[in-house]
Amino acid sequence: MKGVKTMEKIDIKSVLFTQIKDKRVIAFMVLKGLGTFVIITGLIGLSFILGPLNLIIKFEFTTIFGNTLFDFLFCFLLCFIGGTIEFLGDSFIRYLSNG
């Protein structure tokens, strides 16, 4: 019969990895997730330092370095580093997916 497909057994591994030609993409996805985690950590720190999160959850915040400016710069640096890691991971994922 023309046009009739037969039932083939499909396992989970073939479903998950059919779209990924190069397995290194998975490592860069993990790297991108790490970058996102660092960005969110920095943003939560900034919201504690600048005050809005303290007012919402009524949590007493003590500064890490004893100075609000140094804490702000540290959390801003975390956001910058996390963004860089996420950008590099995303760039490598696009490169490996297209190539």
PDB file of N, CA and C in Angstrom:
ATOM      1  N   MET A   1       0.841  -1.172   0.000  1.00  0.00           N
ATOM      2  CA  MET A   1       0.000   0.000   0.000  1.00  0.00           C
ATOM      3  C   MET A   1       0.887   1.237   0.000  1.00  0.00           C
ATOM      4  N   LYS A   2       0.618   2.087  -0.904  1.00  0.00           N
ATOM      5  CA  LYS A   2       1.409   3.307  -1.016  1.00  0.00           C
ATOM      6  C   LYS A   2       0.852   4.352  -0.051  1.00  0.00           C
ATOM      7  N   GLY A   3       1.757   5.034   0.654  1.00  0.00           N
ATOM      8  CA  GLY A   3       1.357   6.099   1.556  1.00  0.00           C
ATOM      9  C   GLY A   3       1.062   5.644   2.973  1.00  0.00           C
ATOM     10  N   VAL A   4       1.106   4.352   3.238  1.00  0.00           N
ATOM     11  CA  VAL A   4       0.842   3.849   4.587  1.00  0.00           C
ATOM     12  C   VAL A   4       2.176   3.583   5.263  1.00  0.00           C
ATOM     13  N   LYS A   5       2.348   4.192   6.413  1.00  0.00           N
ATOM     14  CA  LYS A   5       3.590   3.995   7.160  1.00  0.00           C
ATOM     15  C   LYS A   5       3.395   2.884   8.174  1.00  0.00           C
ATOM     16  N   THR A   6       4.449   2.121   8.375  1.00  0.00           N
ATOM     17  CA  THR A   6       4.383   1.048   9.360  1.00  0.00           C
ATOM     18  C   THR A   6       4.795   1.587  10.722  1.00  0.00           C
ATOM     19  N   MET A   7       4.312   0.926  11.744  1.00  0.00           N
ATOM     20  CA  MET A   7       4.660   1.318  13.105  1.00  0.00           C
ATOM     21  C   MET A   7       6.075   0.857  13.416  1.00  0.00           C
ATOM     22  N   GLU A   8       6.916   1.787  13.768  1.00  0.00           N
ATOM     23  CA  GLU A   8       8.270   1.455  14.175  1.00  0.00           C
ATOM     24  C   GLU A   8       8.406   1.758  15.647  1.00  0.00           C
ATOM     25  N   LYS A   9       9.190   0.954  16.316  1.00  0.00           N
ATOM     26  CA  LYS A   9       9.406   1.178  17.733  1.00  0.00           C
ATOM     27  C   LYS A   9      10.348   2.363  17.903  1.00  0.00           C
ATOM     28  N   ILE A  10       9.917   3.334  18.703  1.00  0.00           N
ATOM     29  CA  ILE A  10      10.704   4.539  18.930  1.00  0.00           C
ATOM     30  C   ILE A  10      11.108   4.561  20.394  1.00  0.00           C
ATOM     31  N   ASP A  11      12.402   4.677  20.624  1.00  0.00           N
ATOM     32  CA  ASP A  11      12.853   4.772  22.006  1.00  0.00           C
ATOM     33  C   ASP A  11      13.154   6.224  22.367  1.00  0.00           C
ATOM     34  N   ILE A  12      13.256   6.465  23.639  1.00  0.00           N
ATOM     35  CA  ILE A  12      13.433   7.839  24.148  1.00  0.00           C
ATOM     36  C   ILE A  12      14.723   8.470  23.654  1.00  0.00           C
ATOM     37  N   LYS A  13      15.804   7.699  23.598  1.00  0.00           N
ATOM     38  CA  LYS A  13      17.100   8.235  23.184  1.00  0.00           C
ATOM     39  C   LYS A  13      17.045   8.747  21.748  1.00  0.00           C
ATOM     40  N   SER A  14      16.386   8.023  20.875  1.00  0.00           N
ATOM     41  CA  SER A  14      16.311   8.464  19.481  1.00  0.00           C
ATOM     42  C   SER A  14      15.460   9.727  19.351  1.00  0.00           C
ATOM     43  N   VAL A  15      14.444   9.854  20.190  1.00  0.00           N
ATOM     44  CA  VAL A  15      13.605  11.052  20.137  1.00  0.00           C
ATOM     45  C   VAL A  15      14.376  12.272  20.630  1.00  0.00           C
ATOM     46  N   LEU A  16      15.127  12.109  21.716  1.00  0.00           N
ATOM     47  CA  LEU A  16      15.847  13.248  22.294  1.00  0.00           C
ATOM     48  C   LEU A  16      17.025  13.713  21.448  1.00  0.00           C
ATOM     49  N   PHE A  17      17.714  12.785  20.801  1.00  0.00           N
ATOM     50  CA  PHE A  17      18.949  13.144  20.127  1.00  0.00           C
ATOM     51  C   PHE A  17      18.846  13.202  18.605  1.00  0.00           C
ATOM     52  N   THR A  18      17.658  13.087  18.029  1.00  0.00           N
ATOM     53  CA  THR A  18      17.554  13.163  16.579  1.00  0.00           C
ATOM     54  C   THR A  18      17.823  14.572  16.075  1.00  0.00           C
ATOM     55  N   GLN A  19      17.454  15.577  16.843  1.00  0.00           N
ATOM     56  CA  GLN A  19      17.643  16.956  16.398  1.00  0.00           C
ATOM     57  C   GLN A  19      19.072  17.447  16.601  1.00  0.00           C
ATOM     58  N   ILE A  20      19.843  16.770  17.445  1.00  0.00           N
ATOM     59  CA  ILE A  20      21.198  17.220  17.763  1.00  0.00           C
ATOM     60  C   ILE A  20      22.189  16.395  16.952  1.00  0.00           C
ATOM     61  N   LYS A  21      22.828  17.061  16.012  1.00  0.00           N
ATOM     62  CA  LYS A  21      23.816  16.372  15.183  1.00  0.00           C
ATOM     63  C   LYS A  21      25.148  16.259  15.910  1.00  0.00           C
ATOM     64  N   ASP A  22      25.519  17.311  16.628  1.00  0.00           N
ATOM     65  CA  ASP A  22      26.788  17.339  17.346  1.00  0.00           C
ATOM     66  C   ASP A  22      26.494  17.299  18.841  1.00  0.00           C
ATOM     67  N   LYS A  23      27.023  16.329  19.528  1.00  0.00           N
ATOM     68  CA  LYS A  23      26.720  16.142  20.947  1.00  0.00           C
ATOM     69  C   LYS A  23      27.353  17.216  21.835  1.00  0.00           C
ATOM     70  N   ARG A  24      28.290  18.000  21.306  1.00  0.00           N
ATOM     71  CA  ARG A  24      28.893  19.083  22.099  1.00  0.00           C
ATOM     72  C   ARG A  24      27.884  20.181  22.404  1.00  0.00           C
ATOM     73  N   VAL A  25      26.790  20.214  21.666  1.00  0.00           N
ATOM     74  CA  VAL A  25      25.749  21.216  21.889  1.00  0.00           C
ATOM     75  C   VAL A  25      25.189  21.088  23.309  1.00  0.00           C
ATOM     76  N   ILE A  26      25.090  19.865  23.804  1.00  0.00           N
ATOM     77  CA  ILE A  26      24.542  19.643  25.138  1.00  0.00           C
ATOM     78  C   ILE A  26      25.415  20.320  26.188  1.00  0.00           C
ATOM     79  N   ALA A  27      26.736  20.224  26.044  1.00  0.00           N
ATOM     80  CA  ALA A  27      27.646  20.867  26.997  1.00  0.00           C
ATOM     81  C   ALA A  27      27.480  22.382  26.975  1.00  0.00           C
ATOM     82  N   PHE A  28      27.278  22.948  25.801  1.00  0.00           N
ATOM     83  CA  PHE A  28      27.097  24.396  25.722  1.00  0.00           C
ATOM     84  C   PHE A  28      25.717  24.819  26.220  1.00  0.00           C
ATOM     85  N   MET A  29      24.732  23.930  26.154  1.00  0.00           N
ATOM     86  CA  MET A  29      23.430  24.219  26.759  1.00  0.00           C
ATOM     87  C   MET A  29      23.556  24.294  28.279  1.00  0.00           C
ATOM     88  N   VAL A  30      24.359  23.399  28.839  1.00  0.00           N
ATOM     89  CA  VAL A  30      24.615  23.424  30.278  1.00  0.00           C
ATOM     90  C   VAL A  30      25.364  24.699  30.649  1.00  0.00           C
ATOM     91  N   LEU A  31      26.334  25.095  29.839  1.00  0.00           N
ATOM     92  CA  LEU A  31      27.077  26.332  30.076  1.00  0.00           C
ATOM     93  C   LEU A  31      26.154  27.545  30.016  1.00  0.00           C
ATOM     94  N   LYS A  32      25.240  27.546  29.069  1.00  0.00           N
ATOM     95  CA  LYS A  32      24.275  28.638  28.962  1.00  0.00           C
ATOM     96  C   LYS A  32      23.373  28.690  30.186  1.00  0.00           C
ATOM     97  N   GLY A  33      22.960  27.535  30.686  1.00  0.00           N
ATOM     98  CA  GLY A  33      22.155  27.481  31.901  1.00  0.00           C
ATOM     99  C   GLY A  33      22.910  27.995  33.111  1.00  0.00           C
ATOM    100  N   LEU A  34      24.202  27.701  33.181  1.00  0.00           N
ATOM    101  CA  LEU A  34      25.031  28.221  34.262  1.00  0.00           C
ATOM    102  C   LEU A  34      25.112  29.739  34.193  1.00  0.00           C
ATOM    103  N   GLY A  35      25.254  30.272  32.986  1.00  0.00           N
ATOM    104  CA  GLY A  35      25.275  31.723  32.812  1.00  0.00           C
ATOM    105  C   GLY A  35      23.968  32.364  33.247  1.00  0.00           C
ATOM    106  N   THR A  36      22.849  31.727  32.934  1.00  0.00           N
ATOM    107  CA  THR A  36      21.545  32.233  33.364  1.00  0.00           C
ATOM    108  C   THR A  36      21.435  32.215  34.888  1.00  0.00           C
ATOM    109  N   PHE A  37      21.934  31.159  35.513  1.00  0.00           N
ATOM    110  CA  PHE A  37      21.921  31.074  36.971  1.00  0.00           C
ATOM    111  C   PHE A  37      22.737  32.209  37.595  1.00  0.00           C
ATOM    112  N   VAL A  38      23.903  32.510  37.038  1.00  0.00           N
ATOM    113  CA  VAL A  38      24.749  33.579  37.580  1.00  0.00           C
ATOM    114  C   VAL A  38      24.081  34.939  37.394  1.00  0.00           C
ATOM    115  N   ILE A  39      23.424  35.150  36.251  1.00  0.00           N
ATOM    116  CA  ILE A  39      22.702  36.410  36.027  1.00  0.00           C
ATOM    117  C   ILE A  39      21.597  36.576  37.069  1.00  0.00           C
ATOM    118  N   ILE A  40      20.807  35.540  37.277  1.00  0.00           N
ATOM    119  CA  ILE A  40      19.691  35.633  38.221  1.00  0.00           C
ATOM    120  C   ILE A  40      20.200  35.840  39.644  1.00  0.00           C
ATOM    121  N   THR A  41      21.311  35.186  39.994  1.00  0.00           N
ATOM    122  CA  THR A  41      21.908  35.398  41.312  1.00  0.00           C
ATOM    123  C   THR A  41      22.315  36.851  41.493  1.00  0.00           C
ATOM    124  N   GLY A  42      22.942  37.437  40.481  1.00  0.00           N
ATOM    125  CA  GLY A  42      23.329  38.841  40.554  1.00  0.00           C
ATOM    126  C   GLY A  42      22.136  39.770  40.632  1.00  0.00           C
ATOM    127  N   LEU A  43      21.085  39.468  39.891  1.00  0.00           N
ATOM    128  CA  LEU A  43      19.895  40.320  39.917  1.00  0.00           C
ATOM    129  C   LEU A  43      19.174  40.255  41.265  1.00  0.00           C
ATOM    130  N   ILE A  44      19.131  39.078  41.863  1.00  0.00           N
ATOM    131  CA  ILE A  44      18.527  38.967  43.191  1.00  0.00           C
ATOM    132  C   ILE A  44      19.363  39.728  44.210  1.00  0.00           C
ATOM    133  N   GLY A  45      20.680  39.631  44.096  1.00  0.00           N
ATOM    134  CA  GLY A  45      21.553  40.402  44.982  1.00  0.00           C
ATOM    135  C   GLY A  45      21.345  41.897  44.815  1.00  0.00           C
ATOM    136  N   LEU A  46      21.215  42.335  43.575  1.00  0.00           N
ATOM    137  CA  LEU A  46      20.967  43.762  43.334  1.00  0.00           C
ATOM    138  C   LEU A  46      19.632  44.201  43.919  1.00  0.00           C
ATOM    139  N   SER A  47      18.623  43.353  43.809  1.00  0.00           N
ATOM    140  CA  SER A  47      17.323  43.738  44.360  1.00  0.00           C
ATOM    141  C   SER A  47      17.361  43.783  45.884  1.00  0.00           C
ATOM    142  N   PHE A  48      18.186  42.957  46.518  1.00  0.00           N
ATOM    143  CA  PHE A  48      18.357  43.062  47.964  1.00  0.00           C
ATOM    144  C   PHE A  48      19.108  44.335  48.332  1.00  0.00           C
ATOM    145  N   ILE A  49      20.148  44.655  47.586  1.00  0.00           N
ATOM    146  CA  ILE A  49      20.979  45.821  47.902  1.00  0.00           C
ATOM    147  C   ILE A  49      20.210  47.116  47.680  1.00  0.00           C
ATOM    148  N   LEU A  50      19.477  47.190  46.573  1.00  0.00           N
ATOM    149  CA  LEU A  50      18.769  48.429  46.253  1.00  0.00           C
ATOM    150  C   LEU A  50      17.477  48.591  47.046  1.00  0.00           C
ATOM    151  N   GLY A  51      16.966  47.516  47.651  1.00  0.00           N
ATOM    152  CA  GLY A  51      15.861  47.672  48.566  1.00  0.00           C
ATOM    153  C   GLY A  51      14.515  47.088  48.221  1.00  0.00           C
ATOM    154  N   PRO A  52      14.113  46.920  46.971  1.00  0.00           N
ATOM    155  CA  PRO A  52      12.739  46.464  46.726  1.00  0.00           C
ATOM    156  C   PRO A  52      12.435  45.093  47.316  1.00  0.00           C
ATOM    157  N   LEU A  53      13.375  44.168  47.259  1.00  0.00           N
ATOM    158  CA  LEU A  53      13.113  42.827  47.760  1.00  0.00           C
ATOM    159  C   LEU A  53      13.041  42.815  49.286  1.00  0.00           C
ATOM    160  N   ASN A  54      13.788  43.695  49.940  1.00  0.00           N
ATOM    161  CA  ASN A  54      13.704  43.799  51.397  1.00  0.00           C
ATOM    162  C   ASN A  54      12.320  44.240  51.835  1.00  0.00           C
ATOM    163  N   LEU A  55      11.725  45.165  51.084  1.00  0.00           N
ATOM    164  CA  LEU A  55      10.402  45.660  51.450  1.00  0.00           C
ATOM    165  C   LEU A  55       9.315  44.624  51.204  1.00  0.00           C
ATOM    166  N   ILE A  56       9.503  43.785  50.200  1.00  0.00           N
ATOM    167  CA  ILE A  56       8.480  42.799  49.849  1.00  0.00           C
ATOM    168  C   ILE A  56       8.465  41.635  50.841  1.00  0.00           C
ATOM    169  N   ILE A  57       9.630  41.066  51.124  1.00  0.00           N
ATOM    170  CA  ILE A  57       9.647  39.861  51.965  1.00  0.00           C
ATOM    171  C   ILE A  57      10.045  40.153  53.416  1.00  0.00           C
ATOM    172  N   LYS A  58      10.303  41.411  53.763  1.00  0.00           N
ATOM    173  CA  LYS A  58      10.636  41.809  55.141  1.00  0.00           C
ATOM    174  C   LYS A  58      11.803  40.989  55.686  1.00  0.00           C
ATOM    175  N   PHE A  59      12.888  40.962  54.913  1.00  0.00           N
ATOM    176  CA  PHE A  59      14.077  40.198  55.270  1.00  0.00           C
ATOM    177  C   PHE A  59      15.201  41.167  55.606  1.00  0.00           C
ATOM    178  N   GLU A  60      15.832  40.954  56.732  1.00  0.00           N
ATOM    179  CA  GLU A  60      16.942  41.816  57.133  1.00  0.00           C
ATOM    180  C   GLU A  60      18.173  41.450  56.316  1.00  0.00           C
ATOM    181  N   PHE A  61      18.686  42.395  55.573  1.00  0.00           N
ATOM    182  CA  PHE A  61      19.826  42.154  54.692  1.00  0.00           C
ATOM    183  C   PHE A  61      21.073  42.781  55.290  1.00  0.00           C
ATOM    184  N   THR A  62      22.134  41.991  55.410  1.00  0.00           N
ATOM    185  CA  THR A  62      23.427  42.522  55.834  1.00  0.00           C
ATOM    186  C   THR A  62      24.363  42.485  54.639  1.00  0.00           C
ATOM    187  N   THR A  63      25.149  43.507  54.494  1.00  0.00           N
ATOM    188  CA  THR A  63      26.030  43.600  53.328  1.00  0.00           C
ATOM    189  C   THR A  63      27.162  42.584  53.424  1.00  0.00           C
ATOM    190  N   ILE A  64      27.596  42.134  52.265  1.00  0.00           N
ATOM    191  CA  ILE A  64      28.657  41.129  52.196  1.00  0.00           C
ATOM    192  C   ILE A  64      29.996  41.749  52.551  1.00  0.00           C
ATOM    193  N   PHE A  65      30.289  42.874  51.943  1.00  0.00           N
ATOM    194  CA  PHE A  65      31.577  43.529  52.127  1.00  0.00           C
ATOM    195  C   PHE A  65      31.528  44.659  53.154  1.00  0.00           C
ATOM    196  N   GLY A  66      30.373  44.911  53.741  1.00  0.00           N
ATOM    197  CA  GLY A  66      30.240  45.985  54.712  1.00  0.00           C
ATOM    198  C   GLY A  66      30.001  47.340  54.080  1.00  0.00           C
ATOM    199  N   ASN A  67      29.897  47.376  52.765  1.00  0.00           N
ATOM    200  CA  ASN A  67      29.693  48.628  52.050  1.00  0.00           C
ATOM    201  C   ASN A  67      28.696  48.362  50.914  1.00  0.00           C
ATOM    202  N   THR A  68      27.690  49.188  50.821  1.00  0.00           N
ATOM    203  CA  THR A  68      26.654  48.991  49.804  1.00  0.00           C
ATOM    204  C   THR A  68      27.218  49.141  48.393  1.00  0.00           C
ATOM    205  N   LEU A  69      28.149  50.049  48.200  1.00  0.00           N
ATOM    206  CA  LEU A  69      28.734  50.254  46.875  1.00  0.00           C
ATOM    207  C   LEU A  69      29.495  49.017  46.408  1.00  0.00           C
ATOM    208  N   PHE A  70      30.300  48.431  47.293  1.00  0.00           N
ATOM    209  CA  PHE A  70      31.049  47.234  46.917  1.00  0.00           C
ATOM    210  C   PHE A  70      30.118  46.057  46.634  1.00  0.00           C
ATOM    211  N   ASP A  71      29.061  45.934  47.429  1.00  0.00           N
ATOM    212  CA  ASP A  71      28.082  44.874  47.181  1.00  0.00           C
ATOM    213  C   ASP A  71      27.385  45.069  45.841  1.00  0.00           C
ATOM    214  N   PHE A  72      27.020  46.318  45.539  1.00  0.00           N
ATOM    215  CA  PHE A  72      26.383  46.620  44.262  1.00  0.00           C
ATOM    216  C   PHE A  72      27.312  46.278  43.101  1.00  0.00           C
ATOM    217  N   LEU A  73      28.576  46.660  43.202  1.00  0.00           N
ATOM    218  CA  LEU A  73      29.529  46.372  42.128  1.00  0.00           C
ATOM    219  C   LEU A  73      29.760  44.870  41.969  1.00  0.00           C
ATOM    220  N   PHE A  74      29.796  44.142  43.085  1.00  0.00           N
ATOM    221  CA  PHE A  74      29.973  42.691  43.022  1.00  0.00           C
ATOM    222  C   PHE A  74      28.795  42.020  42.307  1.00  0.00           C
ATOM    223  N   CYS A  75      27.570  42.394  42.672  1.00  0.00           N
ATOM    224  CA  CYS A  75      26.390  41.799  42.033  1.00  0.00           C
ATOM    225  C   CYS A  75      26.274  42.225  40.565  1.00  0.00           C
ATOM    226  N   PHE A  76      26.669  43.459  40.271  1.00  0.00           N
ATOM    227  CA  PHE A  76      26.683  43.909  38.876  1.00  0.00           C
ATOM    228  C   PHE A  76      27.709  43.111  38.078  1.00  0.00           C
ATOM    229  N   LEU A  77      28.864  42.833  38.695  1.00  0.00           N
ATOM    230  CA  LEU A  77      29.884  42.017  38.043  1.00  0.00           C
ATOM    231  C   LEU A  77      29.371  40.595  37.809  1.00  0.00           C
ATOM    232  N   LEU A  78      28.606  40.048  38.762  1.00  0.00           N
ATOM    233  CA  LEU A  78      28.001  38.733  38.560  1.00  0.00           C
ATOM    234  C   LEU A  78      27.064  38.741  37.351  1.00  0.00           C
ATOM    235  N   CYS A  79      26.264  39.782  37.226  1.00  0.00           N
ATOM    236  CA  CYS A  79      25.357  39.890  36.073  1.00  0.00           C
ATOM    237  C   CYS A  79      26.139  39.967  34.771  1.00  0.00           C
ATOM    238  N   PHE A  80      27.223  40.719  34.769  1.00  0.00           N
ATOM    239  CA  PHE A  80      28.043  40.872  33.568  1.00  0.00           C
ATOM    240  C   PHE A  80      28.709  39.542  33.185  1.00  0.00           C
ATOM    241  N   ILE A  81      29.273  38.857  34.170  1.00  0.00           N
ATOM    242  CA  ILE A  81      29.927  37.566  33.896  1.00  0.00           C
ATOM    243  C   ILE A  81      28.903  36.536  33.435  1.00  0.00           C
ATOM    244  N   GLY A  82      27.745  36.499  34.083  1.00  0.00           N
ATOM    245  CA  GLY A  82      26.695  35.562  33.675  1.00  0.00           C
ATOM    246  C   GLY A  82      26.209  35.834  32.263  1.00  0.00           C
ATOM    247  N   GLY A  83      26.066  37.103  31.904  1.00  0.00           N
ATOM    248  CA  GLY A  83      25.666  37.457  30.548  1.00  0.00           C
ATOM    249  C   GLY A  83      26.697  37.041  29.518  1.00  0.00           C
ATOM    250  N   THR A  84      27.968  37.203  29.867  1.00  0.00           N
ATOM    251  CA  THR A  84      29.037  36.790  28.965  1.00  0.00           C
ATOM    252  C   THR A  84      29.035  35.282  28.761  1.00  0.00           C
ATOM    253  N   ILE A  85      28.882  34.531  29.851  1.00  0.00           N
ATOM    254  CA  ILE A  85      28.838  33.068  29.747  1.00  0.00           C
ATOM    255  C   ILE A  85      27.643  32.626  28.907  1.00  0.00           C
ATOM    256  N   GLU A  86      26.491  33.237  29.136  1.00  0.00           N
ATOM    257  CA  GLU A  86      25.295  32.874  28.376  1.00  0.00           C
ATOM    258  C   GLU A  86      25.451  33.222  26.900  1.00  0.00           C
ATOM    259  N   PHE A  87      26.044  34.372  26.594  1.00  0.00           N
ATOM    260  CA  PHE A  87      26.258  34.768  25.206  1.00  0.00           C
ATOM    261  C   PHE A  87      27.191  33.801  24.496  1.00  0.00           C
ATOM    262  N   LEU A  88      28.300  33.436  25.163  1.00  0.00           N
ATOM    263  CA  LEU A  88      29.247  32.506  24.542  1.00  0.00           C
ATOM    264  C   LEU A  88      28.616  31.132  24.328  1.00  0.00           C
ATOM    265  N   GLY A  89      27.865  30.657  25.323  1.00  0.00           N
ATOM    266  CA  GLY A  89      27.189  29.371  25.168  1.00  0.00           C
ATOM    267  C   GLY A  89      26.207  29.391  24.019  1.00  0.00           C
ATOM    268  N   ASP A  90      25.428  30.460  23.915  1.00  0.00           N
ATOM    269  CA  ASP A  90      24.445  30.579  22.843  1.00  0.00           C
ATOM    270  C   ASP A  90      25.127  30.679  21.481  1.00  0.00           C
ATOM    271  N   SER A  91      26.242  31.390  21.414  1.00  0.00           N
ATOM    272  CA  SER A  91      26.980  31.513  20.141  1.00  0.00           C
ATOM    273  C   SER A  91      27.503  30.168  19.667  1.00  0.00           C
ATOM    274  N   PHE A  92      28.065  29.392  20.597  1.00  0.00           N
ATOM    275  CA  PHE A  92      28.579  28.078  20.217  1.00  0.00           C
ATOM    276  C   PHE A  92      27.444  27.132  19.838  1.00  0.00           C
ATOM    277  N   ILE A  93      26.303  27.236  20.511  1.00  0.00           N
ATOM    278  CA  ILE A  93      25.158  26.392  20.151  1.00  0.00           C
ATOM    279  C   ILE A  93      24.705  26.708  18.727  1.00  0.00           C
ATOM    280  N   ARG A  94      24.618  27.973  18.395  1.00  0.00           N
ATOM    281  CA  ARG A  94      24.210  28.349  17.026  1.00  0.00           C
ATOM    282  C   ARG A  94      25.230  27.886  16.002  1.00  0.00           C
ATOM    283  N   TYR A  95      26.526  28.034  16.315  1.00  0.00           N
ATOM    284  CA  TYR A  95      27.572  27.633  15.398  1.00  0.00           C
ATOM    285  C   TYR A  95      27.529  26.125  15.137  1.00  0.00           C
ATOM    286  N   LEU A  96      27.390  25.345  16.219  1.00  0.00           N
ATOM    287  CA  LEU A  96      27.386  23.892  16.058  1.00  0.00           C
ATOM    288  C   LEU A  96      26.090  23.396  15.420  1.00  0.00           C
ATOM    289  N   SER A  97      25.001  24.088  15.641  1.00  0.00           N
ATOM    290  CA  SER A  97      23.718  23.672  15.045  1.00  0.00           C
ATOM    291  C   SER A  97      23.680  23.938  13.558  1.00  0.00           C
ATOM    292  N   ASN A  98      24.293  25.020  13.119  1.00  0.00           N
ATOM    293  CA  ASN A  98      24.297  25.359  11.694  1.00  0.00           C
ATOM    294  C   ASN A  98      25.339  24.582  10.916  1.00  0.00           C
ATOM    295  N   GLY A  99      26.413  24.191  11.564  1.00  0.00           N
ATOM    296  CA  GLY A  99      27.537  23.562  10.865  1.00  0.00           C
ATOM    297  C   GLY A  99      27.449  22.115  10.788  1.00  0.00           C
TER     298      GLY A  99
END
